[in-house]
Amino acid sequence: MIFGTREVGWLAPVLARALPGIGAVLALSLLAAALGLALPMLTKLVIDRGIMARDMGRLVHYAALSFALGLGAVALGIANGMVHLRASADMLADLRQRAFDAALRRDPARKDLPLGETMARLDGDSGEIQRFAFDTVLVAIGALFRLAGGVALMAWLDWRLVLLPVLLTPIELIFLTLARPRTQSLAGEVRDQRGALSSTLAETLSLRQTLAALGASQARLAHFGEQQHSQIAGLMRQRLWAETVGAVSQILGAVVRAGVLLVGGWLVVRGDWPLGTLIAYLAYAAMMQGPCATFWAFIMRRLAARSRWRGSMRFSPRHATRRAPRRPARWRRSR
């Protein structure tokens, strides 16, 4: 499970209030994905029944239909973006309010975190948790819908070539499973460095006069520079590892495209396939490239944020079931 029983207690009410927004965004996302799956098939019709058949009427008809679907996809993208922004912003406000309330009710016996670290967790990591809780369902269902739809349409065109991406998908999943520990470790390291940097900034500015009186400003500045260099090095390590993991998915995608080109091109040369089928097959193969890696990287970033955010949500057990404060009236009116 991404969220354990300890997190469900405070996250479930937030998710329950966000369900209408999640449902609206999911419906628009699936509709946009369906339009995306239809476009390669329309391209096939333009080529096979219009260009290759030398039928100008059908060419104009299918080209106009493709243009209309393209405009529809643009309109759906705009509408989906606006609905997504509003729903995710409402959920973030709710989650941040709940986290701030929990931080204020933190057990006095526990040592407080540095101010900058606390701010980084309540703000930055709260945003990561919100994006994960809100977007993970959308990303997962959208990816499964595109994969299932792409495989179904590829099988409808010719079931034999579907075996190539289907056989390579387990290889990608095995590699991503093996890469998970290092991916999660590097993500956590970068988040810790970012929190330490924020903590140094907040503490130094709050103690500016004291540091100046002690003549320690330059030493503090040098320490801040070392932290920045350490963070940059951590970002570079994380980026290099992410590029390495992504390269494996890209190589597997290139194998799929090469296989489709070779076998599909051979079928076109033999006359068993029309040219439009090969073009559509290549488009669907491109849609299936790398969804596992993208979703896996998404999960790793949110797992790192969750592990850090737990520390900010630890408060006295006797307060664990208390309801979070209600939203300000301006939030309720704006929904």
C-alpha atoms as a PDB file:
ATOM      1  CA  MET A   1       0.000   0.000   0.000  1.00  0.00           C
ATOM      2  CA  ILE A   2       1.190   3.531  -0.735  1.00  0.00           C
ATOM      3  CA  PHE A   3      -0.623   4.839   2.352  1.00  0.00           C
ATOM      4  CA  GLY A   4      -0.706   2.747   5.518  1.00  0.00           C
ATOM      5  CA  THR A   5      -3.426   2.609   8.146  1.00  0.00           C
ATOM      6  CA  ARG A   6      -1.791   5.468  10.035  1.00  0.00           C
ATOM      7  CA  GLU A   7      -2.140   7.805   7.022  1.00  0.00           C
ATOM      8  CA  VAL A   8      -5.652   6.687   6.083  1.00  0.00           C
ATOM      9  CA  GLY A   9      -7.060   8.148   9.304  1.00  0.00           C
ATOM     10  CA  TRP A  10      -6.221  11.723   8.343  1.00  0.00           C
ATOM     11  CA  LEU A  11      -6.244  11.369   4.547  1.00  0.00           C
ATOM     12  CA  ALA A  12      -9.607   9.602   4.116  1.00  0.00           C
ATOM     13  CA  PRO A  13     -11.782  12.625   5.068  1.00  0.00           C
ATOM     14  CA  VAL A  14      -9.798  14.835   2.698  1.00  0.00           C
ATOM     15  CA  LEU A  15     -10.207  12.350  -0.148  1.00  0.00           C
ATOM     16  CA  ALA A  16     -13.918  11.943   0.582  1.00  0.00           C
ATOM     17  CA  ARG A  17     -14.477  15.679   0.178  1.00  0.00           C
ATOM     18  CA  ALA A  18     -12.401  15.688  -3.023  1.00  0.00           C
ATOM     19  CA  LEU A  19     -14.233  12.777  -4.701  1.00  0.00           C
ATOM     20  CA  PRO A  20     -16.619  14.930  -6.807  1.00  0.00           C
ATOM     21  CA  GLY A  21     -13.677  16.854  -8.272  1.00  0.00           C
ATOM     22  CA  ILE A  22     -11.699  13.656  -8.883  1.00  0.00           C
ATOM     23  CA  GLY A  23     -14.706  12.138 -10.665  1.00  0.00           C
ATOM     24  CA  ALA A  24     -15.125  15.157 -12.943  1.00  0.00           C
ATOM     25  CA  VAL A  25     -11.433  15.234 -13.865  1.00  0.00           C
ATOM     26  CA  LEU A  26     -11.415  11.469 -14.437  1.00  0.00           C
ATOM     27  CA  ALA A  27     -14.395  11.650 -16.810  1.00  0.00           C
ATOM     28  CA  LEU A  28     -12.778  14.425 -18.867  1.00  0.00           C
ATOM     29  CA  SER A  29      -9.426  12.602 -18.891  1.00  0.00           C
ATOM     30  CA  LEU A  30     -10.943   9.360 -20.167  1.00  0.00           C
ATOM     31  CA  LEU A  31     -12.853  11.238 -22.868  1.00  0.00           C
ATOM     32  CA  ALA A  32      -9.639  12.952 -23.982  1.00  0.00           C
ATOM     33  CA  ALA A  33      -7.830   9.580 -23.972  1.00  0.00           C
ATOM     34  CA  ALA A  34     -10.590   8.079 -26.121  1.00  0.00           C
ATOM     35  CA  LEU A  35     -10.154  10.891 -28.650  1.00  0.00           C
ATOM     36  CA  GLY A  36      -6.410  10.267 -28.648  1.00  0.00           C
ATOM     37  CA  LEU A  37      -6.966   6.585 -29.389  1.00  0.00           C
ATOM     38  CA  ALA A  38      -9.327   7.426 -32.258  1.00  0.00           C
ATOM     39  CA  LEU A  39      -6.907   9.705 -34.115  1.00  0.00           C
ATOM     40  CA  PRO A  40      -4.507   6.986 -35.393  1.00  0.00           C
ATOM     41  CA  MET A  41      -7.460   5.031 -36.706  1.00  0.00           C
ATOM     42  CA  LEU A  42      -8.677   8.116 -38.568  1.00  0.00           C
ATOM     43  CA  THR A  43      -5.176   8.571 -39.992  1.00  0.00           C
ATOM     44  CA  LYS A  44      -5.373   5.012 -41.293  1.00  0.00           C
ATOM     45  CA  LEU A  45      -8.671   5.792 -43.014  1.00  0.00           C
ATOM     46  CA  VAL A  46      -7.267   8.981 -44.541  1.00  0.00           C
ATOM     47  CA  ILE A  47      -4.347   7.032 -46.032  1.00  0.00           C
ATOM     48  CA  ASP A  48      -6.102   3.818 -47.070  1.00  0.00           C
ATOM     49  CA  ARG A  49      -9.534   5.037 -48.168  1.00  0.00           C
ATOM     50  CA  GLY A  50      -8.567   8.526 -49.243  1.00  0.00           C
ATOM     51  CA  ILE A  51      -4.987   8.855 -50.507  1.00  0.00           C
ATOM     52  CA  MET A  52      -4.252   5.285 -51.622  1.00  0.00           C
ATOM     53  CA  ALA A  53      -7.766   4.824 -53.044  1.00  0.00           C
ATOM     54  CA  ARG A  54      -7.492   8.196 -54.847  1.00  0.00           C
ATOM     55  CA  ASP A  55     -10.908   9.129 -53.480  1.00  0.00           C
ATOM     56  CA  MET A  56     -10.940  12.890 -52.942  1.00  0.00           C
ATOM     57  CA  GLY A  57     -14.376  12.876 -51.309  1.00  0.00           C
ATOM     58  CA  ARG A  58     -13.369  10.439 -48.595  1.00  0.00           C
ATOM     59  CA  LEU A  59     -10.025  12.196 -48.162  1.00  0.00           C
ATOM     60  CA  VAL A  60     -11.771  15.491 -47.416  1.00  0.00           C
ATOM     61  CA  HIS A  61     -14.328  13.750 -45.186  1.00  0.00           C
ATOM     62  CA  TYR A  62     -11.801  11.924 -42.988  1.00  0.00           C
ATOM     63  CA  ALA A  63      -9.423  14.900 -42.913  1.00  0.00           C
ATOM     64  CA  ALA A  64     -12.239  17.169 -41.713  1.00  0.00           C
ATOM     65  CA  LEU A  65     -13.227  14.582 -39.110  1.00  0.00           C
ATOM     66  CA  SER A  66      -9.623  14.393 -37.880  1.00  0.00           C
ATOM     67  CA  PHE A  67      -9.505  18.175 -37.641  1.00  0.00           C
ATOM     68  CA  ALA A  68     -12.769  18.243 -35.664  1.00  0.00           C
ATOM     69  CA  LEU A  69     -11.469  15.612 -33.253  1.00  0.00           C
ATOM     70  CA  GLY A  70      -8.262  17.595 -32.864  1.00  0.00           C
ATOM     71  CA  LEU A  71     -10.239  20.708 -31.943  1.00  0.00           C
ATOM     72  CA  GLY A  72     -12.299  18.632 -29.526  1.00  0.00           C
ATOM     73  CA  ALA A  73      -9.127  17.333 -27.892  1.00  0.00           C
ATOM     74  CA  VAL A  74      -7.858  20.906 -27.462  1.00  0.00           C
ATOM     75  CA  ALA A  75     -11.157  22.022 -25.897  1.00  0.00           C
ATOM     76  CA  LEU A  76     -11.185  18.995 -23.601  1.00  0.00           C
ATOM     77  CA  GLY A  77      -7.595  19.708 -22.580  1.00  0.00           C
ATOM     78  CA  ILE A  78      -8.475  23.272 -21.588  1.00  0.00           C
ATOM     79  CA  ALA A  79     -11.602  22.219 -19.696  1.00  0.00           C
ATOM     80  CA  ASN A  80      -9.771  19.362 -17.985  1.00  0.00           C
ATOM     81  CA  GLY A  81      -6.933  21.653 -16.945  1.00  0.00           C
ATOM     82  CA  MET A  82      -9.287  24.199 -15.378  1.00  0.00           C
ATOM     83  CA  VAL A  83     -11.360  21.564 -13.555  1.00  0.00           C
ATOM     84  CA  HIS A  84      -8.197  19.805 -12.398  1.00  0.00           C
ATOM     85  CA  LEU A  85      -6.698  23.053 -11.069  1.00  0.00           C
ATOM     86  CA  ARG A  86      -9.801  23.971  -9.100  1.00  0.00           C
ATOM     87  CA  ALA A  87     -10.335  20.515  -7.614  1.00  0.00           C
ATOM     88  CA  SER A  88      -6.668  19.974  -6.722  1.00  0.00           C
ATOM     89  CA  ALA A  89      -6.372  23.486  -5.213  1.00  0.00           C
ATOM     90  CA  ASP A  90      -9.418  22.835  -3.010  1.00  0.00           C
ATOM     91  CA  MET A  91      -7.956  19.536  -1.861  1.00  0.00           C
ATOM     92  CA  LEU A  92      -4.537  21.080  -1.160  1.00  0.00           C
ATOM     93  CA  ALA A  93      -6.137  23.808   0.949  1.00  0.00           C
ATOM     94  CA  ASP A  94      -8.060  21.167   2.901  1.00  0.00           C
ATOM     95  CA  LEU A  95      -4.992  18.971   3.389  1.00  0.00           C
ATOM     96  CA  ARG A  96      -2.721  21.866   4.367  1.00  0.00           C
ATOM     97  CA  GLN A  97      -5.312  23.087   6.881  1.00  0.00           C
ATOM     98  CA  ARG A  98      -5.479  19.633   8.427  1.00  0.00           C
ATOM     99  CA  ALA A  99      -1.693  19.286   8.521  1.00  0.00           C
ATOM    100  CA  PHE A 100      -1.286  22.725  10.098  1.00  0.00           C
ATOM    101  CA  ASP A 101      -3.847  21.833  12.762  1.00  0.00           C
ATOM    102  CA  ALA A 102      -1.973  18.576  13.485  1.00  0.00           C
ATOM    103  CA  ALA A 103       1.333  20.441  13.740  1.00  0.00           C
ATOM    104  CA  LEU A 104      -0.187  22.895  16.249  1.00  0.00           C
ATOM    105  CA  ARG A 105      -1.454  19.950  18.332  1.00  0.00           C
ATOM    106  CA  ARG A 106       1.892  18.131  18.212  1.00  0.00           C
ATOM    107  CA  ASP A 107       2.789  16.412  21.480  1.00  0.00           C
ATOM    108  CA  PRO A 108       4.754  18.976  23.560  1.00  0.00           C
ATOM    109  CA  ALA A 109       6.968  16.148  24.840  1.00  0.00           C
ATOM    110  CA  ARG A 110       8.360  15.611  21.341  1.00  0.00           C
ATOM    111  CA  LYS A 111      11.220  17.779  20.157  1.00  0.00           C
ATOM    112  CA  ASP A 112      10.159  20.312  17.537  1.00  0.00           C
ATOM    113  CA  LEU A 113      11.683  20.132  14.059  1.00  0.00           C
ATOM    114  CA  PRO A 114      13.678  23.135  12.794  1.00  0.00           C
ATOM    115  CA  LEU A 115      11.416  25.886  11.488  1.00  0.00           C
ATOM    116  CA  GLY A 116      12.583  25.637   7.866  1.00  0.00           C
ATOM    117  CA  GLU A 117      12.239  21.852   7.890  1.00  0.00           C
ATOM    118  CA  THR A 118       8.714  22.100   9.279  1.00  0.00           C
ATOM    119  CA  MET A 119       7.737  24.663   6.646  1.00  0.00           C
ATOM    120  CA  ALA A 120       9.209  22.489   3.874  1.00  0.00           C
ATOM    121  CA  ARG A 121       7.180  19.510   5.072  1.00  0.00           C
ATOM    122  CA  LEU A 122       3.913  21.335   5.636  1.00  0.00           C
ATOM    123  CA  ASP A 123       4.091  23.222   2.343  1.00  0.00           C
ATOM    124  CA  GLY A 124       6.223  21.347  -0.217  1.00  0.00           C
ATOM    125  CA  ASP A 125       5.607  17.804   0.991  1.00  0.00           C
ATOM    126  CA  SER A 126       1.918  18.516   1.575  1.00  0.00           C
ATOM    127  CA  GLY A 127       1.759  19.481  -2.089  1.00  0.00           C
ATOM    128  CA  GLU A 128       3.441  16.221  -3.084  1.00  0.00           C
ATOM    129  CA  ILE A 129       1.040  14.185  -0.950  1.00  0.00           C
ATOM    130  CA  GLN A 130      -1.924  16.069  -2.397  1.00  0.00           C
ATOM    131  CA  ARG A 131      -0.749  15.525  -5.959  1.00  0.00           C
ATOM    132  CA  PHE A 132      -0.214  11.853  -5.258  1.00  0.00           C
ATOM    133  CA  ALA A 133      -3.552  11.301  -3.510  1.00  0.00           C
ATOM    134  CA  PHE A 134      -5.384  13.294  -6.187  1.00  0.00           C
ATOM    135  CA  ASP A 135      -3.462  12.322  -9.305  1.00  0.00           C
ATOM    136  CA  THR A 136      -2.527   8.692  -8.646  1.00  0.00           C
ATOM    137  CA  VAL A 137      -6.028   7.413  -9.425  1.00  0.00           C
ATOM    138  CA  LEU A 138      -6.184   9.593 -12.524  1.00  0.00           C
ATOM    139  CA  VAL A 139      -2.728   8.555 -13.731  1.00  0.00           C
ATOM    140  CA  ALA A 140      -3.311   4.857 -13.054  1.00  0.00           C
ATOM    141  CA  ILE A 141      -6.760   4.663 -14.632  1.00  0.00           C
ATOM    142  CA  GLY A 142      -5.723   6.856 -17.565  1.00  0.00           C
ATOM    143  CA  ALA A 143      -2.627   4.750 -18.227  1.00  0.00           C
ATOM    144  CA  LEU A 144      -4.580   1.490 -17.986  1.00  0.00           C
ATOM    145  CA  PHE A 145      -7.289   2.881 -20.277  1.00  0.00           C
ATOM    146  CA  ARG A 146      -4.748   3.936 -22.917  1.00  0.00           C
ATOM    147  CA  LEU A 147      -2.864   0.658 -22.643  1.00  0.00           C
ATOM    148  CA  ALA A 148      -5.996  -1.459 -22.834  1.00  0.00           C
ATOM    149  CA  GLY A 149      -7.448   0.639 -25.646  1.00  0.00           C
ATOM    150  CA  GLY A 150      -4.182   0.638 -27.582  1.00  0.00           C
ATOM    151  CA  VAL A 151      -3.735  -3.128 -27.226  1.00  0.00           C
ATOM    152  CA  ALA A 152      -7.363  -3.752 -28.222  1.00  0.00           C
ATOM    153  CA  LEU A 153      -7.065  -1.596 -31.359  1.00  0.00           C
ATOM    154  CA  MET A 154      -3.707  -3.141 -32.265  1.00  0.00           C
ATOM    155  CA  ALA A 155      -5.227  -6.597 -31.852  1.00  0.00           C
ATOM    156  CA  TRP A 156      -8.173  -5.550 -34.023  1.00  0.00           C
ATOM    157  CA  LEU A 157      -5.755  -4.451 -36.744  1.00  0.00           C
ATOM    158  CA  ASP A 158      -3.588  -7.594 -36.446  1.00  0.00           C
ATOM    159  CA  TRP A 159      -3.278  -9.660 -33.275  1.00  0.00           C
ATOM    160  CA  ARG A 160       0.115 -11.145 -34.161  1.00  0.00           C
ATOM    161  CA  LEU A 161       2.167  -7.997 -33.600  1.00  0.00           C
ATOM    162  CA  VAL A 162       0.513  -7.333 -30.223  1.00  0.00           C
ATOM    163  CA  LEU A 163       2.679 -10.093 -28.770  1.00  0.00           C
ATOM    164  CA  LEU A 164       5.813  -7.940 -29.071  1.00  0.00           C
ATOM    165  CA  PRO A 165       4.835  -5.140 -26.613  1.00  0.00           C
ATOM    166  CA  VAL A 166       2.996  -7.617 -24.385  1.00  0.00           C
ATOM    167  CA  LEU A 167       6.133  -9.746 -23.986  1.00  0.00           C
ATOM    168  CA  LEU A 168       8.410  -6.751 -23.312  1.00  0.00           C
ATOM    169  CA  THR A 169       6.189  -5.167 -20.631  1.00  0.00           C
ATOM    170  CA  PRO A 170       7.134  -7.723 -17.889  1.00  0.00           C
ATOM    171  CA  ILE A 171      10.824  -7.038 -18.597  1.00  0.00           C
ATOM    172  CA  GLU A 172      10.270  -3.330 -17.994  1.00  0.00           C
ATOM    173  CA  LEU A 173       8.330  -4.012 -14.788  1.00  0.00           C
ATOM    174  CA  ILE A 174      11.074  -6.308 -13.456  1.00  0.00           C
ATOM    175  CA  PHE A 175      13.734  -3.678 -14.150  1.00  0.00           C
ATOM    176  CA  LEU A 176      11.682  -0.936 -12.469  1.00  0.00           C
ATOM    177  CA  THR A 177      11.156  -3.155  -9.423  1.00  0.00           C
ATOM    178  CA  LEU A 178      14.912  -3.696  -9.132  1.00  0.00           C
ATOM    179  CA  ALA A 179      15.545   0.036  -9.586  1.00  0.00           C
ATOM    180  CA  ARG A 180      12.997   1.066  -6.951  1.00  0.00           C
ATOM    181  CA  PRO A 181      15.259   1.111  -3.826  1.00  0.00           C
ATOM    182  CA  ARG A 182      17.830   3.448  -5.374  1.00  0.00           C
ATOM    183  CA  THR A 183      15.133   5.623  -6.944  1.00  0.00           C
ATOM    184  CA  GLN A 184      13.369   6.033  -3.609  1.00  0.00           C
ATOM    185  CA  SER A 185      16.645   6.627  -1.760  1.00  0.00           C
ATOM    186  CA  LEU A 186      17.758   9.394  -4.122  1.00  0.00           C
ATOM    187  CA  ALA A 187      14.340  11.064  -4.001  1.00  0.00           C
ATOM    188  CA  GLY A 188      14.421  11.058  -0.201  1.00  0.00           C
ATOM    189  CA  GLU A 189      17.972  12.413  -0.167  1.00  0.00           C
ATOM    190  CA  VAL A 190      17.050  15.360  -2.386  1.00  0.00           C
ATOM    191  CA  ARG A 191      13.992  16.154  -0.257  1.00  0.00           C
ATOM    192  CA  ASP A 192      16.062  16.050   2.946  1.00  0.00           C
ATOM    193  CA  GLN A 193      18.639  18.399   1.407  1.00  0.00           C
ATOM    194  CA  ARG A 194      15.892  20.798   0.326  1.00  0.00           C
ATOM    195  CA  GLY A 195      14.450  20.788   3.841  1.00  0.00           C
ATOM    196  CA  ALA A 196      17.879  21.402   5.390  1.00  0.00           C
ATOM    197  CA  LEU A 197      18.459  24.309   3.022  1.00  0.00           C
ATOM    198  CA  SER A 198      15.090  25.869   3.908  1.00  0.00           C
ATOM    199  CA  SER A 199      15.853  25.361   7.595  1.00  0.00           C
ATOM    200  CA  THR A 200      19.230  27.107   7.289  1.00  0.00           C
ATOM    201  CA  LEU A 201      17.621  30.046   5.499  1.00  0.00           C
ATOM    202  CA  ALA A 202      14.872  30.481   8.093  1.00  0.00           C
ATOM    203  CA  GLU A 203      17.173  30.097  11.106  1.00  0.00           C
ATOM    204  CA  THR A 204      19.876  32.354   9.707  1.00  0.00           C
ATOM    205  CA  LEU A 205      17.488  35.180   8.864  1.00  0.00           C
ATOM    206  CA  SER A 206      15.805  34.941  12.262  1.00  0.00           C
ATOM    207  CA  LEU A 207      19.246  35.129  13.991  1.00  0.00           C
ATOM    208  CA  ARG A 208      20.776  37.687  11.670  1.00  0.00           C
ATOM    209  CA  GLN A 209      21.540  40.300  14.332  1.00  0.00           C
ATOM    210  CA  THR A 210      22.958  37.747  16.751  1.00  0.00           C
ATOM    211  CA  LEU A 211      25.212  36.257  14.076  1.00  0.00           C
ATOM    212  CA  ALA A 212      26.424  39.710  13.098  1.00  0.00           C
ATOM    213  CA  ALA A 213      27.259  40.547  16.714  1.00  0.00           C
ATOM    214  CA  LEU A 214      29.236  37.297  17.055  1.00  0.00           C
ATOM    215  CA  GLY A 215      30.968  37.795  13.696  1.00  0.00           C
ATOM    216  CA  ALA A 216      29.599  34.451  12.488  1.00  0.00           C
ATOM    217  CA  SER A 217      27.776  35.693   9.386  1.00  0.00           C
ATOM    218  CA  GLN A 218      30.501  34.653   6.952  1.00  0.00           C
ATOM    219  CA  ALA A 219      30.793  31.188   8.496  1.00  0.00           C
ATOM    220  CA  ARG A 220      27.041  30.781   8.183  1.00  0.00           C
ATOM    221  CA  LEU A 221      27.194  31.965   4.580  1.00  0.00           C
ATOM    222  CA  ALA A 222      29.946  29.439   3.821  1.00  0.00           C
ATOM    223  CA  HIS A 223      27.862  26.672   5.401  1.00  0.00           C
ATOM    224  CA  PHE A 224      24.904  27.718   3.261  1.00  0.00           C
ATOM    225  CA  GLY A 225      27.082  27.530   0.140  1.00  0.00           C
ATOM    226  CA  GLU A 226      28.205  24.015   1.062  1.00  0.00           C
ATOM    227  CA  GLN A 227      24.567  22.979   1.486  1.00  0.00           C
ATOM    228  CA  GLN A 228      23.714  24.386  -1.933  1.00  0.00           C
ATOM    229  CA  HIS A 229      26.584  22.493  -3.578  1.00  0.00           C
ATOM    230  CA  SER A 230      25.467  19.320  -1.786  1.00  0.00           C
ATOM    231  CA  GLN A 231      21.907  19.795  -3.032  1.00  0.00           C
ATOM    232  CA  ILE A 232      23.076  20.372  -6.598  1.00  0.00           C
ATOM    233  CA  ALA A 233      25.178  17.194  -6.429  1.00  0.00           C
ATOM    234  CA  GLY A 234      22.163  15.282  -5.119  1.00  0.00           C
ATOM    235  CA  LEU A 235      19.980  16.635  -7.916  1.00  0.00           C
ATOM    236  CA  MET A 236      22.579  15.595 -10.473  1.00  0.00           C
ATOM    237  CA  ARG A 237      22.733  12.058  -9.044  1.00  0.00           C
ATOM    238  CA  GLN A 238      18.957  11.814  -9.046  1.00  0.00           C
ATOM    239  CA  ARG A 239      18.711  13.131 -12.606  1.00  0.00           C
ATOM    240  CA  LEU A 240      21.422  10.774 -13.887  1.00  0.00           C
ATOM    241  CA  TRP A 241      19.682   7.785 -12.327  1.00  0.00           C
ATOM    242  CA  ALA A 242      16.298   8.910 -13.687  1.00  0.00           C
ATOM    243  CA  GLU A 243      17.786   9.270 -17.172  1.00  0.00           C
ATOM    244  CA  THR A 244      19.323   5.792 -16.871  1.00  0.00           C
ATOM    245  CA  VAL A 245      16.013   4.258 -15.839  1.00  0.00           C
ATOM    246  CA  GLY A 246      14.208   6.169 -18.573  1.00  0.00           C
ATOM    247  CA  ALA A 247      16.754   5.023 -21.150  1.00  0.00           C
ATOM    248  CA  VAL A 248      15.825   1.391 -20.511  1.00  0.00           C
ATOM    249  CA  SER A 249      12.167   2.144 -21.231  1.00  0.00           C
ATOM    250  CA  GLN A 250      13.149   4.091 -24.341  1.00  0.00           C
ATOM    251  CA  ILE A 251      15.322   1.214 -25.577  1.00  0.00           C
ATOM    252  CA  LEU A 252      12.458  -1.238 -25.080  1.00  0.00           C
ATOM    253  CA  GLY A 253      10.171   1.174 -26.943  1.00  0.00           C
ATOM    254  CA  ALA A 254      12.690   1.379 -29.772  1.00  0.00           C
ATOM    255  CA  VAL A 255      12.743  -2.424 -29.949  1.00  0.00           C
ATOM    256  CA  VAL A 256       8.942  -2.439 -30.266  1.00  0.00           C
ATOM    257  CA  ARG A 257       8.967   0.214 -33.011  1.00  0.00           C
ATOM    258  CA  ALA A 258      11.746  -1.557 -34.908  1.00  0.00           C
ATOM    259  CA  GLY A 259       9.850  -4.833 -34.715  1.00  0.00           C
ATOM    260  CA  VAL A 260       6.647  -3.194 -35.954  1.00  0.00           C
ATOM    261  CA  LEU A 261       8.519  -1.495 -38.798  1.00  0.00           C
ATOM    262  CA  LEU A 262      10.250  -4.697 -39.894  1.00  0.00           C
ATOM    263  CA  VAL A 263       7.316  -7.088 -39.628  1.00  0.00           C
ATOM    264  CA  GLY A 264       4.661  -4.547 -40.598  1.00  0.00           C
ATOM    265  CA  GLY A 265       6.760  -3.249 -43.500  1.00  0.00           C
ATOM    266  CA  TRP A 266       7.221  -6.822 -44.703  1.00  0.00           C
ATOM    267  CA  LEU A 267       3.448  -7.332 -44.580  1.00  0.00           C
ATOM    268  CA  VAL A 268       2.912  -4.104 -46.547  1.00  0.00           C
ATOM    269  CA  VAL A 269       5.447  -5.178 -49.179  1.00  0.00           C
ATOM    270  CA  ARG A 270       3.712  -8.539 -49.474  1.00  0.00           C
ATOM    271  CA  GLY A 271       0.364  -6.828 -49.891  1.00  0.00           C
ATOM    272  CA  ASP A 272      -1.125  -8.299 -46.689  1.00  0.00           C
ATOM    273  CA  TRP A 273      -1.318  -4.902 -44.975  1.00  0.00           C
ATOM    274  CA  PRO A 274      -2.416  -1.530 -46.330  1.00  0.00           C
ATOM    275  CA  LEU A 275      -0.003   1.309 -45.603  1.00  0.00           C
ATOM    276  CA  GLY A 276      -2.437   3.012 -43.219  1.00  0.00           C
ATOM    277  CA  THR A 277      -2.436   0.000 -40.917  1.00  0.00           C
ATOM    278  CA  LEU A 278       1.342   0.252 -40.506  1.00  0.00           C
ATOM    279  CA  ILE A 279       1.091   3.985 -39.690  1.00  0.00           C
ATOM    280  CA  ALA A 280      -1.666   3.368 -37.133  1.00  0.00           C
ATOM    281  CA  TYR A 281       0.266   0.487 -35.575  1.00  0.00           C
ATOM    282  CA  LEU A 282       3.335   2.680 -35.132  1.00  0.00           C
ATOM    283  CA  ALA A 283       1.199   5.392 -33.488  1.00  0.00           C
ATOM    284  CA  TYR A 284      -0.316   2.940 -31.011  1.00  0.00           C
ATOM    285  CA  ALA A 285       3.117   1.456 -30.257  1.00  0.00           C
ATOM    286  CA  ALA A 286       4.383   4.974 -29.458  1.00  0.00           C
ATOM    287  CA  MET A 287       1.435   5.517 -27.091  1.00  0.00           C
ATOM    288  CA  MET A 288       2.445   2.435 -25.122  1.00  0.00           C
ATOM    289  CA  GLN A 289       6.073   3.518 -24.701  1.00  0.00           C
ATOM    290  CA  GLY A 290       7.193   4.158 -21.152  1.00  0.00           C
ATOM    291  CA  PRO A 291       3.894   4.367 -19.177  1.00  0.00           C
ATOM    292  CA  CYS A 292       5.263   2.008 -16.530  1.00  0.00           C
ATOM    293  CA  ALA A 293       8.396   4.107 -16.020  1.00  0.00           C
ATOM    294  CA  THR A 294       6.397   7.344 -15.815  1.00  0.00           C
ATOM    295  CA  PHE A 295       3.962   5.974 -13.252  1.00  0.00           C
ATOM    296  CA  TRP A 296       6.785   4.335 -11.249  1.00  0.00           C
ATOM    297  CA  ALA A 297       8.777   7.590 -11.018  1.00  0.00           C
ATOM    298  CA  PHE A 298       5.571   9.356  -9.943  1.00  0.00           C
ATOM    299  CA  ILE A 299       5.101   6.876  -7.098  1.00  0.00           C
ATOM    300  CA  MET A 300       8.736   7.144  -5.936  1.00  0.00           C
ATOM    301  CA  ARG A 301       8.572  10.920  -5.569  1.00  0.00           C
ATOM    302  CA  ARG A 302       5.355  10.689  -3.548  1.00  0.00           C
ATOM    303  CA  LEU A 303       6.727   7.897  -1.329  1.00  0.00           C
ATOM    304  CA  ALA A 304       9.679  10.099  -0.426  1.00  0.00           C
ATOM    305  CA  ALA A 305       7.345  12.985   0.436  1.00  0.00           C
ATOM    306  CA  ARG A 306       5.108  10.693   2.503  1.00  0.00           C
ATOM    307  CA  SER A 307       7.977   9.397   4.636  1.00  0.00           C
ATOM    308  CA  ARG A 308       9.039  12.962   5.461  1.00  0.00           C
ATOM    309  CA  TRP A 309       5.493  14.219   5.968  1.00  0.00           C
ATOM    310  CA  ARG A 310       4.764  11.566   8.598  1.00  0.00           C
ATOM    311  CA  GLY A 311       7.017  13.374  11.055  1.00  0.00           C
ATOM    312  CA  SER A 312       4.901  16.510  10.808  1.00  0.00           C
ATOM    313  CA  MET A 313       1.675  14.581  11.426  1.00  0.00           C
ATOM    314  CA  ARG A 314       2.785  12.880  14.660  1.00  0.00           C
ATOM    315  CA  PHE A 315       0.683  14.241  17.483  1.00  0.00           C
ATOM    316  CA  SER A 316      -0.749  12.980  20.720  1.00  0.00           C
ATOM    317  CA  PRO A 317      -2.933   9.834  20.244  1.00  0.00           C
ATOM    318  CA  ARG A 318      -5.724  11.381  22.289  1.00  0.00           C
ATOM    319  CA  HIS A 319      -6.156  13.976  19.518  1.00  0.00           C
ATOM    320  CA  ALA A 320      -5.958  11.510  16.628  1.00  0.00           C
ATOM    321  CA  THR A 321      -9.685  11.325  15.960  1.00  0.00           C
ATOM    322  CA  ARG A 322     -10.431  14.994  16.386  1.00  0.00           C
ATOM    323  CA  ARG A 323     -11.987  16.632  13.344  1.00  0.00           C
ATOM    324  CA  ALA A 324      -9.875  19.131  11.486  1.00  0.00           C
ATOM    325  CA  PRO A 325     -11.087  22.754  11.549  1.00  0.00           C
ATOM    326  CA  ARG A 326     -13.721  23.596   8.999  1.00  0.00           C
ATOM    327  CA  ARG A 327     -12.613  25.490   5.948  1.00  0.00           C
ATOM    328  CA  PRO A 328     -12.963  29.266   5.972  1.00  0.00           C
ATOM    329  CA  ALA A 329     -16.264  30.427   4.504  1.00  0.00           C
ATOM    330  CA  ARG A 330     -14.578  31.879   1.428  1.00  0.00           C
ATOM    331  CA  TRP A 331     -13.361  28.386   0.468  1.00  0.00           C
ATOM    332  CA  ARG A 332     -16.800  26.881   0.905  1.00  0.00           C
ATOM    333  CA  ARG A 333     -18.447  29.633  -1.140  1.00  0.00           C
ATOM    334  CA  SER A 334     -15.910  29.258  -3.966  1.00  0.00           C
ATOM    335  CA  ARG A 335     -16.635  25.625  -4.641  1.00  0.00           C
END
